[in-house]
Amino acid sequence: MSRPSRREMQELAEDREKCAARCDRNAKSGREAAADPSNSPTTRAQAAAAARSAANHAREYREEAEALREGRIPGEDW
């Protein structure tokens, strides 16, 4: 498999940033559900866990986008 072109890597970086933004929205929604006293304790705990997971995914997507913008393939040097 050949290495992606610089343009392709930029497109992938943009896609990863979109994924990060989506995860940020999901994390915000999870934090809101976790803080809502009308939700059951179980629902609140699950929402808090989902919010943490989404925030972690957002961070990972941004790290991948940064690597791609720098001309590196994510995972090659990890």
N, C-alpha and C. Protein backbone atom coordinates (compact mmCIF):
# COMPACT_ATOMS: atom_id res chain seq x y z
N MET A 1 0.85 -1.17 0.00
CA MET A 1 0.00 0.00 0.00
C MET A 1 0.90 1.23 0.00
N SER A 2 0.60 2.18 -0.86
CA SER A 2 1.42 3.38 -0.96
C SER A 2 1.03 4.40 0.13
N ARG A 3 1.95 5.23 0.42
CA ARG A 3 1.73 6.29 1.42
C ARG A 3 0.74 7.32 0.86
N PRO A 4 -0.20 7.81 1.69
CA PRO A 4 -1.15 8.82 1.21
C PRO A 4 -0.42 10.11 0.82
N SER A 5 -0.99 10.82 -0.13
CA SER A 5 -0.42 12.11 -0.54
C SER A 5 -0.66 13.13 0.57
N ARG A 6 0.04 14.25 0.46
CA ARG A 6 -0.12 15.33 1.44
C ARG A 6 -1.58 15.81 1.46
N ARG A 7 -2.18 15.94 0.28
CA ARG A 7 -3.59 16.36 0.19
C ARG A 7 -4.51 15.36 0.88
N GLU A 8 -4.27 14.08 0.64
CA GLU A 8 -5.09 13.05 1.29
C GLU A 8 -4.93 13.10 2.81
N MET A 9 -3.70 13.35 3.26
CA MET A 9 -3.47 13.43 4.70
C MET A 9 -4.18 14.64 5.30
N GLN A 10 -4.22 15.75 4.57
CA GLN A 10 -4.95 16.92 5.04
C GLN A 10 -6.45 16.64 5.12
N GLU A 11 -6.97 15.93 4.11
CA GLU A 11 -8.38 15.56 4.12
C GLU A 11 -8.69 14.65 5.30
N LEU A 12 -7.79 13.71 5.57
CA LEU A 12 -7.99 12.81 6.72
C LEU A 12 -7.94 13.60 8.03
N ALA A 13 -7.04 14.58 8.10
CA ALA A 13 -6.94 15.40 9.30
C ALA A 13 -8.24 16.18 9.51
N GLU A 14 -8.79 16.73 8.44
CA GLU A 14 -10.06 17.45 8.55
C GLU A 14 -11.17 16.52 9.02
N ASP A 15 -11.17 15.30 8.51
CA ASP A 15 -12.18 14.32 8.93
C ASP A 15 -12.03 14.00 10.42
N ARG A 16 -10.79 13.84 10.87
CA ARG A 16 -10.56 13.54 12.30
C ARG A 16 -11.03 14.71 13.17
N GLU A 17 -10.85 15.95 12.70
CA GLU A 17 -11.32 17.11 13.46
C GLU A 17 -12.85 17.11 13.55
N LYS A 18 -13.52 16.71 12.47
CA LYS A 18 -14.98 16.61 12.50
C LYS A 18 -15.42 15.54 13.49
N CYS A 19 -14.71 14.43 13.49
CA CYS A 19 -15.02 13.35 14.45
C CYS A 19 -14.81 13.84 15.88
N ALA A 20 -13.76 14.61 16.11
CA ALA A 20 -13.49 15.15 17.44
C ALA A 20 -14.61 16.08 17.87
N ALA A 21 -15.07 16.92 16.97
CA ALA A 21 -16.17 17.84 17.29
C ALA A 21 -17.44 17.07 17.65
N ARG A 22 -17.71 16.00 16.90
CA ARG A 22 -18.89 15.17 17.21
C ARG A 22 -18.74 14.56 18.60
N CYS A 23 -17.55 14.07 18.92
CA CYS A 23 -17.31 13.49 20.24
C CYS A 23 -17.45 14.53 21.34
N ASP A 24 -16.99 15.76 21.07
CA ASP A 24 -17.17 16.84 22.05
C ASP A 24 -18.65 17.08 22.33
N ARG A 25 -19.47 17.08 21.28
CA ARG A 25 -20.92 17.27 21.47
C ARG A 25 -21.50 16.11 22.29
N ASN A 26 -21.05 14.90 22.00
CA ASN A 26 -21.53 13.74 22.75
C ASN A 26 -21.10 13.80 24.21
N ALA A 27 -19.87 14.25 24.46
CA ALA A 27 -19.39 14.37 25.83
C ALA A 27 -20.22 15.42 26.59
N LYS A 28 -20.51 16.53 25.94
CA LYS A 28 -21.33 17.58 26.57
C LYS A 28 -22.71 17.03 26.92
N SER A 29 -23.30 16.30 25.99
CA SER A 29 -24.62 15.72 26.23
C SER A 29 -24.57 14.74 27.40
N GLY A 30 -23.51 13.95 27.45
CA GLY A 30 -23.36 12.99 28.56
C GLY A 30 -23.20 13.69 29.90
N ARG A 31 -22.40 14.76 29.92
CA ARG A 31 -22.22 15.52 31.18
C ARG A 31 -23.55 16.12 31.63
N GLU A 32 -24.32 16.63 30.66
CA GLU A 32 -25.63 17.20 31.01
C GLU A 32 -26.56 16.14 31.58
N ALA A 33 -26.57 14.97 30.96
CA ALA A 33 -27.43 13.88 31.46
C ALA A 33 -26.95 13.41 32.83
N ALA A 34 -25.65 13.39 33.04
CA ALA A 34 -25.11 12.96 34.33
C ALA A 34 -25.46 13.96 35.44
N ALA A 35 -25.61 15.21 35.08
CA ALA A 35 -25.93 16.25 36.07
C ALA A 35 -27.42 16.44 36.29
N ASP A 36 -28.24 15.79 35.49
CA ASP A 36 -29.70 15.98 35.56
C ASP A 36 -30.27 15.16 36.72
N PRO A 37 -30.75 15.83 37.75
CA PRO A 37 -31.27 15.09 38.91
C PRO A 37 -32.54 14.30 38.62
N SER A 38 -33.18 14.57 37.48
CA SER A 38 -34.38 13.80 37.16
C SER A 38 -34.03 12.42 36.60
N ASN A 39 -32.77 12.21 36.25
CA ASN A 39 -32.35 10.88 35.78
C ASN A 39 -32.03 9.99 36.97
N SER A 40 -32.20 8.71 36.78
CA SER A 40 -31.90 7.76 37.85
C SER A 40 -30.40 7.73 38.12
N PRO A 41 -30.00 7.25 39.29
CA PRO A 41 -28.57 7.15 39.59
C PRO A 41 -27.81 6.29 38.56
N THR A 42 -28.46 5.24 38.10
CA THR A 42 -27.82 4.38 37.10
C THR A 42 -27.62 5.13 35.78
N THR A 43 -28.66 5.81 35.34
CA THR A 43 -28.57 6.59 34.11
C THR A 43 -27.50 7.67 34.24
N ARG A 44 -27.45 8.33 35.38
CA ARG A 44 -26.46 9.38 35.58
C ARG A 44 -25.04 8.81 35.55
N ALA A 45 -24.85 7.66 36.17
CA ALA A 45 -23.53 7.03 36.18
C ALA A 45 -23.12 6.60 34.77
N GLN A 46 -24.06 6.03 34.05
CA GLN A 46 -23.76 5.61 32.67
C GLN A 46 -23.47 6.82 31.79
N ALA A 47 -24.21 7.89 31.97
CA ALA A 47 -23.98 9.10 31.18
C ALA A 47 -22.61 9.69 31.49
N ALA A 48 -22.21 9.68 32.74
CA ALA A 48 -20.88 10.19 33.12
C ALA A 48 -19.78 9.35 32.47
N ALA A 49 -19.96 8.03 32.49
CA ALA A 49 -18.96 7.15 31.86
C ALA A 49 -18.90 7.39 30.35
N ALA A 50 -20.07 7.56 29.73
CA ALA A 50 -20.12 7.82 28.29
C ALA A 50 -19.47 9.16 27.97
N ALA A 51 -19.67 10.15 28.82
CA ALA A 51 -19.06 11.46 28.60
C ALA A 51 -17.54 11.37 28.65
N ARG A 52 -17.02 10.62 29.61
CA ARG A 52 -15.55 10.44 29.71
C ARG A 52 -15.02 9.73 28.47
N SER A 53 -15.72 8.72 28.03
CA SER A 53 -15.29 7.98 26.85
C SER A 53 -15.28 8.87 25.61
N ALA A 54 -16.34 9.65 25.44
CA ALA A 54 -16.43 10.55 24.29
C ALA A 54 -15.33 11.60 24.33
N ALA A 55 -15.04 12.14 25.51
CA ALA A 55 -13.97 13.12 25.64
C ALA A 55 -12.61 12.51 25.29
N ASN A 56 -12.40 11.26 25.72
CA ASN A 56 -11.15 10.58 25.37
C ASN A 56 -11.03 10.36 23.86
N HIS A 57 -12.13 9.98 23.25
CA HIS A 57 -12.12 9.80 21.80
C HIS A 57 -11.82 11.12 21.08
N ALA A 58 -12.39 12.21 21.56
CA ALA A 58 -12.14 13.52 20.95
C ALA A 58 -10.65 13.83 21.02
N ARG A 59 -10.04 13.59 22.17
CA ARG A 59 -8.60 13.84 22.33
C ARG A 59 -7.79 12.99 21.35
N GLU A 60 -8.15 11.72 21.23
CA GLU A 60 -7.43 10.82 20.32
C GLU A 60 -7.59 11.26 18.86
N TYR A 61 -8.79 11.66 18.48
CA TYR A 61 -8.99 12.14 17.11
C TYR A 61 -8.15 13.38 16.84
N ARG A 62 -8.06 14.27 17.82
CA ARG A 62 -7.24 15.47 17.62
C ARG A 62 -5.75 15.13 17.52
N GLU A 63 -5.31 14.15 18.29
CA GLU A 63 -3.92 13.71 18.19
C GLU A 63 -3.64 13.14 16.80
N GLU A 64 -4.57 12.36 16.29
CA GLU A 64 -4.41 11.81 14.94
C GLU A 64 -4.39 12.93 13.90
N ALA A 65 -5.27 13.90 14.05
CA ALA A 65 -5.31 15.02 13.10
C ALA A 65 -3.99 15.78 13.12
N GLU A 66 -3.44 15.99 14.29
CA GLU A 66 -2.17 16.70 14.40
C GLU A 66 -1.06 15.92 13.70
N ALA A 67 -1.02 14.62 13.93
CA ALA A 67 -0.01 13.78 13.27
C ALA A 67 -0.14 13.87 11.75
N LEU A 68 -1.36 13.77 11.27
CA LEU A 68 -1.58 13.83 9.82
C LEU A 68 -1.15 15.18 9.24
N ARG A 69 -1.47 16.26 9.94
CA ARG A 69 -1.06 17.58 9.45
C ARG A 69 0.46 17.73 9.42
N GLU A 70 1.13 17.01 10.32
CA GLU A 70 2.59 17.05 10.36
C GLU A 70 3.23 16.07 9.37
N GLY A 71 2.39 15.36 8.62
CA GLY A 71 2.90 14.42 7.63
C GLY A 71 3.23 13.05 8.18
N ARG A 72 2.75 12.76 9.38
CA ARG A 72 2.99 11.46 9.99
C ARG A 72 1.72 10.61 9.88
N ILE A 73 1.91 9.32 9.81
CA ILE A 73 0.78 8.38 9.80
C ILE A 73 0.51 8.00 11.27
N PRO A 74 -0.70 8.27 11.76
CA PRO A 74 -0.99 7.91 13.15
C PRO A 74 -0.75 6.41 13.39
N GLY A 75 -0.07 6.14 14.47
CA GLY A 75 0.22 4.75 14.81
C GLY A 75 1.57 4.27 14.33
N GLU A 76 2.13 4.90 13.32
CA GLU A 76 3.43 4.48 12.82
C GLU A 76 4.53 4.67 13.86
N ASP A 77 4.43 5.77 14.57
CA ASP A 77 5.48 6.08 15.53
C ASP A 77 5.06 5.90 16.97
N TRP A 78 3.91 5.25 17.19
CA TRP A 78 3.44 5.04 18.56
C TRP A 78 3.77 3.66 19.02
